[in-house]
Amino acid sequence: MHDVDGSVSLTFYCGELPADSAIHAAGHEPNGYFWEGLVQYLAPDVADRVELDSEAGMFAAYGDRSTLERLQTLIDPYLDDAEQVAVAIREAEGSGFSFDD
């Protein structure tokens, strides 16, 4: 989490995370847009309270510190756990959710 001049952001680089293999295996690209989709699926209430501004190589969210801390707590376990990401992808797609990656 970064705090610069009163603006708080949560960012991480994509493409070399432990979960990437599961994302590829499910037919998706492990980029910032995928992670935005996962956030929107897992916690639409949190996604609605932050500004998502990711790129291919980076996930980025901006908002107030408490909401971003909640987002970080939510997403951190998925970054390192390919099986957890694979389950989330299957559940999301099974419910009709479409990732925009």
PDB file of N, CA and C in Angstrom:
ATOM      1  N   MET A   1       0.856  -1.156   0.000  1.00  0.00           N
ATOM      2  CA  MET A   1       0.000   0.000   0.000  1.00  0.00           C
ATOM      3  C   MET A   1       0.911   1.229   0.000  1.00  0.00           C
ATOM      4  N   HIS A   2       0.542   2.204  -0.813  1.00  0.00           N
ATOM      5  CA  HIS A   2       1.342   3.417  -0.958  1.00  0.00           C
ATOM      6  C   HIS A   2       0.483   4.631  -0.599  1.00  0.00           C
ATOM      7  N   ASP A   3       1.071   5.568   0.106  1.00  0.00           N
ATOM      8  CA  ASP A   3       0.387   6.811   0.464  1.00  0.00           C
ATOM      9  C   ASP A   3       1.274   7.961   0.011  1.00  0.00           C
ATOM     10  N   VAL A   4       0.837   8.633  -1.069  1.00  0.00           N
ATOM     11  CA  VAL A   4       1.615   9.739  -1.614  1.00  0.00           C
ATOM     12  C   VAL A   4       0.727  10.973  -1.671  1.00  0.00           C
ATOM     13  N   ASP A   5       1.105  11.998  -0.967  1.00  0.00           N
ATOM     14  CA  ASP A   5       0.378  13.267  -0.974  1.00  0.00           C
ATOM     15  C   ASP A   5      -1.116  13.089  -0.703  1.00  0.00           C
ATOM     16  N   GLY A   6      -1.445  12.213   0.258  1.00  0.00           N
ATOM     17  CA  GLY A   6      -2.837  12.023   0.627  1.00  0.00           C
ATOM     18  C   GLY A   6      -3.604  11.057  -0.240  1.00  0.00           C
ATOM     19  N   SER A   7      -3.016  10.588  -1.331  1.00  0.00           N
ATOM     20  CA  SER A   7      -3.663   9.616  -2.211  1.00  0.00           C
ATOM     21  C   SER A   7      -3.133   8.229  -1.856  1.00  0.00           C
ATOM     22  N   VAL A   8      -4.041   7.308  -1.566  1.00  0.00           N
ATOM     23  CA  VAL A   8      -3.630   5.966  -1.154  1.00  0.00           C
ATOM     24  C   VAL A   8      -3.909   4.993  -2.291  1.00  0.00           C
ATOM     25  N   SER A   9      -2.944   4.109  -2.549  1.00  0.00           N
ATOM     26  CA  SER A   9      -3.120   3.123  -3.612  1.00  0.00           C
ATOM     27  C   SER A   9      -2.641   1.753  -3.152  1.00  0.00           C
ATOM     28  N   LEU A  10      -3.202   0.749  -3.766  1.00  0.00           N
ATOM     29  CA  LEU A  10      -2.770  -0.628  -3.586  1.00  0.00           C
ATOM     30  C   LEU A  10      -2.362  -1.112  -4.968  1.00  0.00           C
ATOM     31  N   THR A  11      -1.103  -1.475  -5.116  1.00  0.00           N
ATOM     32  CA  THR A  11      -0.602  -1.914  -6.422  1.00  0.00           C
ATOM     33  C   THR A  11       0.258  -3.163  -6.250  1.00  0.00           C
ATOM     34  N   PHE A  12       0.293  -3.975  -7.291  1.00  0.00           N
ATOM     35  CA  PHE A  12       1.250  -5.070  -7.355  1.00  0.00           C
ATOM     36  C   PHE A  12       1.468  -5.410  -8.823  1.00  0.00           C
ATOM     37  N   TYR A  13       2.668  -5.935  -9.100  1.00  0.00           N
ATOM     38  CA  TYR A  13       3.015  -6.314 -10.460  1.00  0.00           C
ATOM     39  C   TYR A  13       2.474  -7.700 -10.767  1.00  0.00           C
ATOM     40  N   CYS A  14       2.079  -7.906 -11.990  1.00  0.00           N
ATOM     41  CA  CYS A  14       1.483  -9.169 -12.430  1.00  0.00           C
ATOM     42  C   CYS A  14       2.428  -9.877 -13.390  1.00  0.00           C
ATOM     43  N   GLY A  15       2.232 -11.180 -13.522  1.00  0.00           N
ATOM     44  CA  GLY A  15       2.986 -11.938 -14.502  1.00  0.00           C
ATOM     45  C   GLY A  15       4.032 -12.854 -13.918  1.00  0.00           C
ATOM     46  N   GLU A  16       4.377 -12.679 -12.648  1.00  0.00           N
ATOM     47  CA  GLU A  16       5.354 -13.556 -12.010  1.00  0.00           C
ATOM     48  C   GLU A  16       4.879 -13.964 -10.622  1.00  0.00           C
ATOM     49  N   LEU A  17       3.572 -14.142 -10.483  1.00  0.00           N
ATOM     50  CA  LEU A  17       2.990 -14.514  -9.196  1.00  0.00           C
ATOM     51  C   LEU A  17       2.794 -16.027  -9.135  1.00  0.00           C
ATOM     52  N   PRO A  18       2.821 -16.612  -7.943  1.00  0.00           N
ATOM     53  CA  PRO A  18       2.600 -18.051  -7.814  1.00  0.00           C
ATOM     54  C   PRO A  18       1.260 -18.525  -8.394  1.00  0.00           C
ATOM     55  N   ALA A  19       0.263 -17.670  -8.423  1.00  0.00           N
ATOM     56  CA  ALA A  19      -1.064 -18.041  -8.922  1.00  0.00           C
ATOM     57  C   ALA A  19      -1.160 -18.015 -10.448  1.00  0.00           C
ATOM     58  N   ASP A  20      -0.157 -17.505 -11.123  1.00  0.00           N
ATOM     59  CA  ASP A  20      -0.227 -17.341 -12.584  1.00  0.00           C
ATOM     60  C   ASP A  20      -0.499 -18.635 -13.328  1.00  0.00           C
ATOM     61  N   SER A  21       0.060 -19.738 -12.875  1.00  0.00           N
ATOM     62  CA  SER A  21      -0.124 -21.004 -13.594  1.00  0.00           C
ATOM     63  C   SER A  21      -1.597 -21.398 -13.629  1.00  0.00           C
ATOM     64  N   ALA A  22      -2.318 -21.184 -12.545  1.00  0.00           N
ATOM     65  CA  ALA A  22      -3.745 -21.520 -12.505  1.00  0.00           C
ATOM     66  C   ALA A  22      -4.550 -20.596 -13.404  1.00  0.00           C
ATOM     67  N   ILE A  23      -4.142 -19.355 -13.480  1.00  0.00           N
ATOM     68  CA  ILE A  23      -4.841 -18.379 -14.325  1.00  0.00           C
ATOM     69  C   ILE A  23      -4.668 -18.771 -15.790  1.00  0.00           C
ATOM     70  N   HIS A  24      -3.433 -19.096 -16.176  1.00  0.00           N
ATOM     71  CA  HIS A  24      -3.161 -19.565 -17.549  1.00  0.00           C
ATOM     72  C   HIS A  24      -3.939 -20.837 -17.853  1.00  0.00           C
ATOM     73  N   ALA A  25      -3.918 -21.786 -16.923  1.00  0.00           N
ATOM     74  CA  ALA A  25      -4.595 -23.076 -17.130  1.00  0.00           C
ATOM     75  C   ALA A  25      -6.091 -22.901 -17.344  1.00  0.00           C
ATOM     76  N   ALA A  26      -6.661 -21.837 -16.783  1.00  0.00           N
ATOM     77  CA  ALA A  26      -8.097 -21.569 -16.943  1.00  0.00           C
ATOM     78  C   ALA A  26      -8.384 -20.770 -18.210  1.00  0.00           C
ATOM     79  N   GLY A  27      -7.330 -20.456 -18.978  1.00  0.00           N
ATOM     80  CA  GLY A  27      -7.521 -19.741 -20.238  1.00  0.00           C
ATOM     81  C   GLY A  27      -7.541 -18.234 -20.118  1.00  0.00           C
ATOM     82  N   HIS A  28      -6.956 -17.723 -19.039  1.00  0.00           N
ATOM     83  CA  HIS A  28      -6.928 -16.275 -18.819  1.00  0.00           C
ATOM     84  C   HIS A  28      -5.498 -15.766 -18.793  1.00  0.00           C
ATOM     85  N   GLU A  29      -5.366 -14.468 -18.878  1.00  0.00           N
ATOM     86  CA  GLU A  29      -4.067 -13.816 -18.792  1.00  0.00           C
ATOM     87  C   GLU A  29      -3.870 -13.305 -17.367  1.00  0.00           C
ATOM     88  N   PRO A  30      -2.744 -13.593 -16.735  1.00  0.00           N
ATOM     89  CA  PRO A  30      -2.503 -13.132 -15.367  1.00  0.00           C
ATOM     90  C   PRO A  30      -2.057 -11.668 -15.346  1.00  0.00           C
ATOM     91  N   ASN A  31      -2.970 -10.799 -15.705  1.00  0.00           N
ATOM     92  CA  ASN A  31      -2.635  -9.372 -15.775  1.00  0.00           C
ATOM     93  C   ASN A  31      -3.504  -8.573 -14.798  1.00  0.00           C
ATOM     94  N   GLY A  32      -3.296  -7.276 -14.784  1.00  0.00           N
ATOM     95  CA  GLY A  32      -4.052  -6.419 -13.873  1.00  0.00           C
ATOM     96  C   GLY A  32      -5.543  -6.470 -14.119  1.00  0.00           C
ATOM     97  N   TYR A  33      -5.936  -6.634 -15.363  1.00  0.00           N
ATOM     98  CA  TYR A  33      -7.365  -6.682 -15.691  1.00  0.00           C
ATOM     99  C   TYR A  33      -8.013  -7.954 -15.130  1.00  0.00           C
ATOM    100  N   PHE A  34      -7.278  -9.072 -15.175  1.00  0.00           N
ATOM    101  CA  PHE A  34      -7.799 -10.297 -14.573  1.00  0.00           C
ATOM    102  C   PHE A  34      -8.043 -10.077 -13.078  1.00  0.00           C
ATOM    103  N   TRP A  35      -7.043  -9.494 -12.402  1.00  0.00           N
ATOM    104  CA  TRP A  35      -7.164  -9.290 -10.955  1.00  0.00           C
ATOM    105  C   TRP A  35      -8.292  -8.316 -10.622  1.00  0.00           C
ATOM    106  N   GLU A  36      -8.500  -7.320 -11.468  1.00  0.00           N
ATOM    107  CA  GLU A  36      -9.659  -6.434 -11.274  1.00  0.00           C
ATOM    108  C   GLU A  36     -10.944  -7.253 -11.323  1.00  0.00           C
ATOM    109  N   GLY A  37     -11.042  -8.143 -12.293  1.00  0.00           N
ATOM    110  CA  GLY A  37     -12.223  -8.989 -12.416  1.00  0.00           C
ATOM    111  C   GLY A  37     -12.417  -9.858 -11.199  1.00  0.00           C
ATOM    112  N   LEU A  38     -11.340 -10.419 -10.688  1.00  0.00           N
ATOM    113  CA  LEU A  38     -11.449 -11.268  -9.514  1.00  0.00           C
ATOM    114  C   LEU A  38     -11.968 -10.460  -8.320  1.00  0.00           C
ATOM    115  N   VAL A  39     -11.462  -9.253  -8.164  1.00  0.00           N
ATOM    116  CA  VAL A  39     -11.944  -8.377  -7.090  1.00  0.00           C
ATOM    117  C   VAL A  39     -13.430  -8.074  -7.282  1.00  0.00           C
ATOM    118  N   GLN A  40     -13.818  -7.775  -8.511  1.00  0.00           N
ATOM    119  CA  GLN A  40     -15.225  -7.470  -8.782  1.00  0.00           C
ATOM    120  C   GLN A  40     -16.116  -8.666  -8.489  1.00  0.00           C
ATOM    121  N   TYR A  41     -15.629  -9.860  -8.755  1.00  0.00           N
ATOM    122  CA  TYR A  41     -16.411 -11.059  -8.465  1.00  0.00           C
ATOM    123  C   TYR A  41     -16.460 -11.337  -6.960  1.00  0.00           C
ATOM    124  N   LEU A  42     -15.294 -11.330  -6.307  1.00  0.00           N
ATOM    125  CA  LEU A  42     -15.221 -11.711  -4.899  1.00  0.00           C
ATOM    126  C   LEU A  42     -15.855 -10.687  -3.967  1.00  0.00           C
ATOM    127  N   ALA A  43     -15.693  -9.422  -4.277  1.00  0.00           N
ATOM    128  CA  ALA A  43     -16.153  -8.373  -3.363  1.00  0.00           C
ATOM    129  C   ALA A  43     -16.666  -7.170  -4.139  1.00  0.00           C
ATOM    130  N   PRO A  44     -17.823  -7.306  -4.789  1.00  0.00           N
ATOM    131  CA  PRO A  44     -18.345  -6.187  -5.573  1.00  0.00           C
ATOM    132  C   PRO A  44     -18.564  -4.925  -4.750  1.00  0.00           C
ATOM    133  N   ASP A  45     -18.869  -5.084  -3.467  1.00  0.00           N
ATOM    134  CA  ASP A  45     -19.054  -3.919  -2.606  1.00  0.00           C
ATOM    135  C   ASP A  45     -17.750  -3.148  -2.431  1.00  0.00           C
ATOM    136  N   VAL A  46     -16.637  -3.868  -2.324  1.00  0.00           N
ATOM    137  CA  VAL A  46     -15.329  -3.213  -2.205  1.00  0.00           C
ATOM    138  C   VAL A  46     -14.934  -2.624  -3.553  1.00  0.00           C
ATOM    139  N   ALA A  47     -15.146  -3.353  -4.619  1.00  0.00           N
ATOM    140  CA  ALA A  47     -14.799  -2.867  -5.964  1.00  0.00           C
ATOM    141  C   ALA A  47     -15.531  -1.572  -6.272  1.00  0.00           C
ATOM    142  N   ASP A  48     -16.760  -1.439  -5.795  1.00  0.00           N
ATOM    143  CA  ASP A  48     -17.539  -0.223  -6.038  1.00  0.00           C
ATOM    144  C   ASP A  48     -17.017   0.971  -5.249  1.00  0.00           C
ATOM    145  N   ARG A  49     -16.216   0.711  -4.222  1.00  0.00           N
ATOM    146  CA  ARG A  49     -15.737   1.803  -3.357  1.00  0.00           C
ATOM    147  C   ARG A  49     -14.307   2.234  -3.656  1.00  0.00           C
ATOM    148  N   VAL A  50     -13.685   1.613  -4.674  1.00  0.00           N
ATOM    149  CA  VAL A  50     -12.334   1.995  -5.066  1.00  0.00           C
ATOM    150  C   VAL A  50     -12.318   2.320  -6.553  1.00  0.00           C
ATOM    151  N   GLU A  51     -11.281   3.012  -6.957  1.00  0.00           N
ATOM    152  CA  GLU A  51     -11.061   3.256  -8.385  1.00  0.00           C
ATOM    153  C   GLU A  51     -10.055   2.218  -8.869  1.00  0.00           C
ATOM    154  N   LEU A  52     -10.479   1.355  -9.763  1.00  0.00           N
ATOM    155  CA  LEU A  52      -9.602   0.348 -10.336  1.00  0.00           C
ATOM    156  C   LEU A  52      -8.990   0.912 -11.616  1.00  0.00           C
ATOM    157  N   ASP A  53      -7.676   0.912 -11.688  1.00  0.00           N
ATOM    158  CA  ASP A  53      -6.976   1.512 -12.822  1.00  0.00           C
ATOM    159  C   ASP A  53      -5.750   0.670 -13.173  1.00  0.00           C
ATOM    160  N   SER A  54      -5.996  -0.578 -13.503  1.00  0.00           N
ATOM    161  CA  SER A  54      -4.907  -1.514 -13.766  1.00  0.00           C
ATOM    162  C   SER A  54      -4.409  -1.421 -15.195  1.00  0.00           C
ATOM    163  N   GLU A  55      -3.293  -2.079 -15.410  1.00  0.00           N
ATOM    164  CA  GLU A  55      -2.686  -2.202 -16.730  1.00  0.00           C
ATOM    165  C   GLU A  55      -2.354  -3.676 -16.926  1.00  0.00           C
ATOM    166  N   ALA A  56      -1.825  -4.009 -18.072  1.00  0.00           N
ATOM    167  CA  ALA A  56      -1.482  -5.410 -18.340  1.00  0.00           C
ATOM    168  C   ALA A  56      -0.508  -5.949 -17.298  1.00  0.00           C
ATOM    169  N   GLY A  57       0.483  -5.177 -16.933  1.00  0.00           N
ATOM    170  CA  GLY A  57       1.519  -5.656 -16.025  1.00  0.00           C
ATOM    171  C   GLY A  57       1.358  -5.263 -14.579  1.00  0.00           C
ATOM    172  N   MET A  58       0.250  -4.597 -14.233  1.00  0.00           N
ATOM    173  CA  MET A  58       0.124  -4.120 -12.862  1.00  0.00           C
ATOM    174  C   MET A  58      -1.342  -3.979 -12.457  1.00  0.00           C
ATOM    175  N   PHE A  59      -1.659  -4.406 -11.247  1.00  0.00           N
ATOM    176  CA  PHE A  59      -2.959  -4.157 -10.650  1.00  0.00           C
ATOM    177  C   PHE A  59      -2.842  -2.866  -9.858  1.00  0.00           C
ATOM    178  N   ALA A  60      -3.846  -1.991  -9.976  1.00  0.00           N
ATOM    179  CA  ALA A  60      -3.832  -0.739  -9.229  1.00  0.00           C
ATOM    180  C   ALA A  60      -5.248  -0.389  -8.786  1.00  0.00           C
ATOM    181  N   ALA A  61      -5.370  -0.048  -7.502  1.00  0.00           N
ATOM    182  CA  ALA A  61      -6.638   0.408  -6.945  1.00  0.00           C
ATOM    183  C   ALA A  61      -6.355   1.625  -6.078  1.00  0.00           C
ATOM    184  N   TYR A  62      -7.249   2.602  -6.131  1.00  0.00           N
ATOM    185  CA  TYR A  62      -7.111   3.831  -5.375  1.00  0.00           C
ATOM    186  C   TYR A  62      -8.368   4.030  -4.544  1.00  0.00           C
ATOM    187  N   GLY A  63      -8.184   4.549  -3.354  1.00  0.00           N
ATOM    188  CA  GLY A  63      -9.337   4.801  -2.499  1.00  0.00           C
ATOM    189  C   GLY A  63      -8.889   5.184  -1.104  1.00  0.00           C
ATOM    190  N   ASP A  64      -9.823   5.078  -0.162  1.00  0.00           N
ATOM    191  CA  ASP A  64      -9.446   5.418   1.204  1.00  0.00           C
ATOM    192  C   ASP A  64      -8.714   4.239   1.838  1.00  0.00           C
ATOM    193  N   ARG A  65      -7.907   4.552   2.822  1.00  0.00           N
ATOM    194  CA  ARG A  65      -7.015   3.556   3.423  1.00  0.00           C
ATOM    195  C   ARG A  65      -7.777   2.342   3.959  1.00  0.00           C
ATOM    196  N   SER A  66      -8.871   2.530   4.657  1.00  0.00           N
ATOM    197  CA  SER A  66      -9.563   1.390   5.264  1.00  0.00           C
ATOM    198  C   SER A  66     -10.136   0.451   4.196  1.00  0.00           C
ATOM    199  N   THR A  67     -10.654   0.993   3.111  1.00  0.00           N
ATOM    200  CA  THR A  67     -11.185   0.148   2.041  1.00  0.00           C
ATOM    201  C   THR A  67     -10.058  -0.600   1.351  1.00  0.00           C
ATOM    202  N   LEU A  68      -8.945   0.060   1.119  1.00  0.00           N
ATOM    203  CA  LEU A  68      -7.808  -0.607   0.474  1.00  0.00           C
ATOM    204  C   LEU A  68      -7.191  -1.663   1.385  1.00  0.00           C
ATOM    205  N   GLU A  69      -7.199  -1.431   2.683  1.00  0.00           N
ATOM    206  CA  GLU A  69      -6.714  -2.453   3.612  1.00  0.00           C
ATOM    207  C   GLU A  69      -7.614  -3.681   3.554  1.00  0.00           C
ATOM    208  N   ARG A  70      -8.916  -3.457   3.468  1.00  0.00           N
ATOM    209  CA  ARG A  70      -9.860  -4.571   3.326  1.00  0.00           C
ATOM    210  C   ARG A  70      -9.599  -5.320   2.018  1.00  0.00           C
ATOM    211  N   LEU A  71      -9.369  -4.578   0.937  1.00  0.00           N
ATOM    212  CA  LEU A  71      -9.078  -5.180  -0.358  1.00  0.00           C
ATOM    213  C   LEU A  71      -7.794  -5.998  -0.299  1.00  0.00           C
ATOM    214  N   GLN A  72      -6.775  -5.461   0.339  1.00  0.00           N
ATOM    215  CA  GLN A  72      -5.504  -6.178   0.436  1.00  0.00           C
ATOM    216  C   GLN A  72      -5.676  -7.477   1.220  1.00  0.00           C
ATOM    217  N   THR A  73      -6.431  -7.428   2.301  1.00  0.00           N
ATOM    218  CA  THR A  73      -6.693  -8.629   3.096  1.00  0.00           C
ATOM    219  C   THR A  73      -7.428  -9.671   2.268  1.00  0.00           C
ATOM    220  N   LEU A  74      -8.330  -9.213   1.415  1.00  0.00           N
ATOM    221  CA  LEU A  74      -9.101 -10.111   0.564  1.00  0.00           C
ATOM    222  C   LEU A  74      -8.237 -10.759  -0.513  1.00  0.00           C
ATOM    223  N   ILE A  75      -7.415  -9.977  -1.184  1.00  0.00           N
ATOM    224  CA  ILE A  75      -6.716 -10.463  -2.380  1.00  0.00           C
ATOM    225  C   ILE A  75      -5.385 -11.150  -2.077  1.00  0.00           C
ATOM    226  N   ASP A  76      -4.724 -10.800  -0.986  1.00  0.00           N
ATOM    227  CA  ASP A  76      -3.405 -11.367  -0.685  1.00  0.00           C
ATOM    228  C   ASP A  76      -3.368 -12.894  -0.734  1.00  0.00           C
ATOM    229  N   PRO A  77      -4.323 -13.612  -0.145  1.00  0.00           N
ATOM    230  CA  PRO A  77      -4.239 -15.077  -0.185  1.00  0.00           C
ATOM    231  C   PRO A  77      -4.291 -15.654  -1.596  1.00  0.00           C
ATOM    232  N   TYR A  78      -4.936 -14.983  -2.502  1.00  0.00           N
ATOM    233  CA  TYR A  78      -5.055 -15.472  -3.875  1.00  0.00           C
ATOM    234  C   TYR A  78      -3.763 -15.320  -4.667  1.00  0.00           C
ATOM    235  N   LEU A  79      -2.954 -14.334  -4.332  1.00  0.00           N
ATOM    236  CA  LEU A  79      -1.725 -14.077  -5.091  1.00  0.00           C
ATOM    237  C   LEU A  79      -0.753 -15.246  -5.022  1.00  0.00           C
ATOM    238  N   ASP A  80      -0.751 -15.945  -3.890  1.00  0.00           N
ATOM    239  CA  ASP A  80       0.214 -17.012  -3.660  1.00  0.00           C
ATOM    240  C   ASP A  80      -0.380 -18.416  -3.740  1.00  0.00           C
ATOM    241  N   ASP A  81      -1.662 -18.537  -4.041  1.00  0.00           N
ATOM    242  CA  ASP A  81      -2.311 -19.840  -3.962  1.00  0.00           C
ATOM    243  C   ASP A  81      -3.023 -20.171  -5.272  1.00  0.00           C
ATOM    244  N   ALA A  82      -2.354 -20.922  -6.120  1.00  0.00           N
ATOM    245  CA  ALA A  82      -2.906 -21.261  -7.434  1.00  0.00           C
ATOM    246  C   ALA A  82      -4.224 -22.019  -7.310  1.00  0.00           C
ATOM    247  N   GLU A  83      -4.326 -22.930  -6.358  1.00  0.00           N
ATOM    248  CA  GLU A  83      -5.562 -23.712  -6.204  1.00  0.00           C
ATOM    249  C   GLU A  83      -6.734 -22.816  -5.793  1.00  0.00           C
ATOM    250  N   GLN A  84      -6.484 -21.889  -4.898  1.00  0.00           N
ATOM    251  CA  GLN A  84      -7.542 -20.976  -4.467  1.00  0.00           C
ATOM    252  C   GLN A  84      -8.025 -20.111  -5.641  1.00  0.00           C
ATOM    253  N   VAL A  85      -7.108 -19.673  -6.483  1.00  0.00           N
ATOM    254  CA  VAL A  85      -7.467 -18.894  -7.668  1.00  0.00           C
ATOM    255  C   VAL A  85      -8.251 -19.766  -8.646  1.00  0.00           C
ATOM    256  N   ALA A  86      -7.818 -20.999  -8.836  1.00  0.00           N
ATOM    257  CA  ALA A  86      -8.509 -21.905  -9.757  1.00  0.00           C
ATOM    258  C   ALA A  86      -9.950 -22.142  -9.311  1.00  0.00           C
ATOM    259  N   VAL A  87     -10.158 -22.333  -8.027  1.00  0.00           N
ATOM    260  CA  VAL A  87     -11.512 -22.527  -7.495  1.00  0.00           C
ATOM    261  C   VAL A  87     -12.347 -21.275  -7.720  1.00  0.00           C
ATOM    262  N   ALA A  88     -11.773 -20.105  -7.445  1.00  0.00           N
ATOM    263  CA  ALA A  88     -12.501 -18.845  -7.628  1.00  0.00           C
ATOM    264  C   ALA A  88     -12.885 -18.642  -9.092  1.00  0.00           C
ATOM    265  N   ILE A  89     -11.990 -18.973 -10.009  1.00  0.00           N
ATOM    266  CA  ILE A  89     -12.287 -18.832 -11.440  1.00  0.00           C
ATOM    267  C   ILE A  89     -13.443 -19.756 -11.827  1.00  0.00           C
ATOM    268  N   ARG A  90     -13.376 -21.010 -11.393  1.00  0.00           N
ATOM    269  CA  ARG A  90     -14.452 -21.961 -11.707  1.00  0.00           C
ATOM    270  C   ARG A  90     -15.791 -21.487 -11.147  1.00  0.00           C
ATOM    271  N   GLU A  91     -15.784 -21.015  -9.908  1.00  0.00           N
ATOM    272  CA  GLU A  91     -17.027 -20.534  -9.298  1.00  0.00           C
ATOM    273  C   GLU A  91     -17.557 -19.306 -10.024  1.00  0.00           C
ATOM    274  N   ALA A  92     -16.657 -18.382 -10.351  1.00  0.00           N
ATOM    275  CA  ALA A  92     -17.066 -17.147 -11.040  1.00  0.00           C
ATOM    276  C   ALA A  92     -17.672 -17.485 -12.392  1.00  0.00           C
ATOM    277  N   GLU A  93     -16.970 -18.280 -13.172  1.00  0.00           N
ATOM    278  CA  GLU A  93     -17.468 -18.620 -14.504  1.00  0.00           C
ATOM    279  C   GLU A  93     -18.734 -19.456 -14.422  1.00  0.00           C
ATOM    280  N   GLY A  94     -18.829 -20.313 -13.418  1.00  0.00           N
ATOM    281  CA  GLY A  94     -20.029 -21.110 -13.218  1.00  0.00           C
ATOM    282  C   GLY A  94     -21.251 -20.283 -12.887  1.00  0.00           C
ATOM    283  N   SER A  95     -21.013 -19.100 -12.304  1.00  0.00           N
ATOM    284  CA  SER A  95     -22.124 -18.202 -11.958  1.00  0.00           C
ATOM    285  C   SER A  95     -22.458 -17.256 -13.104  1.00  0.00           C
ATOM    286  N   GLY A  96     -21.698 -17.367 -14.211  1.00  0.00           N
ATOM    287  CA  GLY A  96     -21.941 -16.496 -15.360  1.00  0.00           C
ATOM    288  C   GLY A  96     -21.058 -15.266 -15.409  1.00  0.00           C
ATOM    289  N   PHE A  97     -20.135 -15.134 -14.439  1.00  0.00           N
ATOM    290  CA  PHE A  97     -19.226 -13.978 -14.428  1.00  0.00           C
ATOM    291  C   PHE A  97     -18.228 -14.122 -15.577  1.00  0.00           C
ATOM    292  N   SER A  98     -17.931 -13.014 -16.245  1.00  0.00           N
ATOM    293  CA  SER A  98     -16.994 -13.013 -17.358  1.00  0.00           C
ATOM    294  C   SER A  98     -15.806 -12.106 -17.031  1.00  0.00           C
ATOM    295  N   PHE A  99     -14.617 -12.671 -17.063  1.00  0.00           N
ATOM    296  CA  PHE A  99     -13.397 -11.901 -16.820  1.00  0.00           C
ATOM    297  C   PHE A  99     -13.059 -11.113 -18.081  1.00  0.00           C
ATOM    298  N   ASP A 100     -12.588  -9.898 -17.916  1.00  0.00           N
ATOM    299  CA  ASP A 100     -12.213  -9.036 -19.038  1.00  0.00           C
ATOM    300  C   ASP A 100     -10.699  -8.859 -19.024  1.00  0.00           C
ATOM    301  N   ASP A 101      -9.994  -9.940 -19.328  1.00  0.00           N
ATOM    302  CA  ASP A 101      -8.545  -9.897 -19.302  1.00  0.00           C
ATOM    303  C   ASP A 101      -7.990 -10.019 -20.706  1.00  0.00           C
TER     304      ASP A 101
END
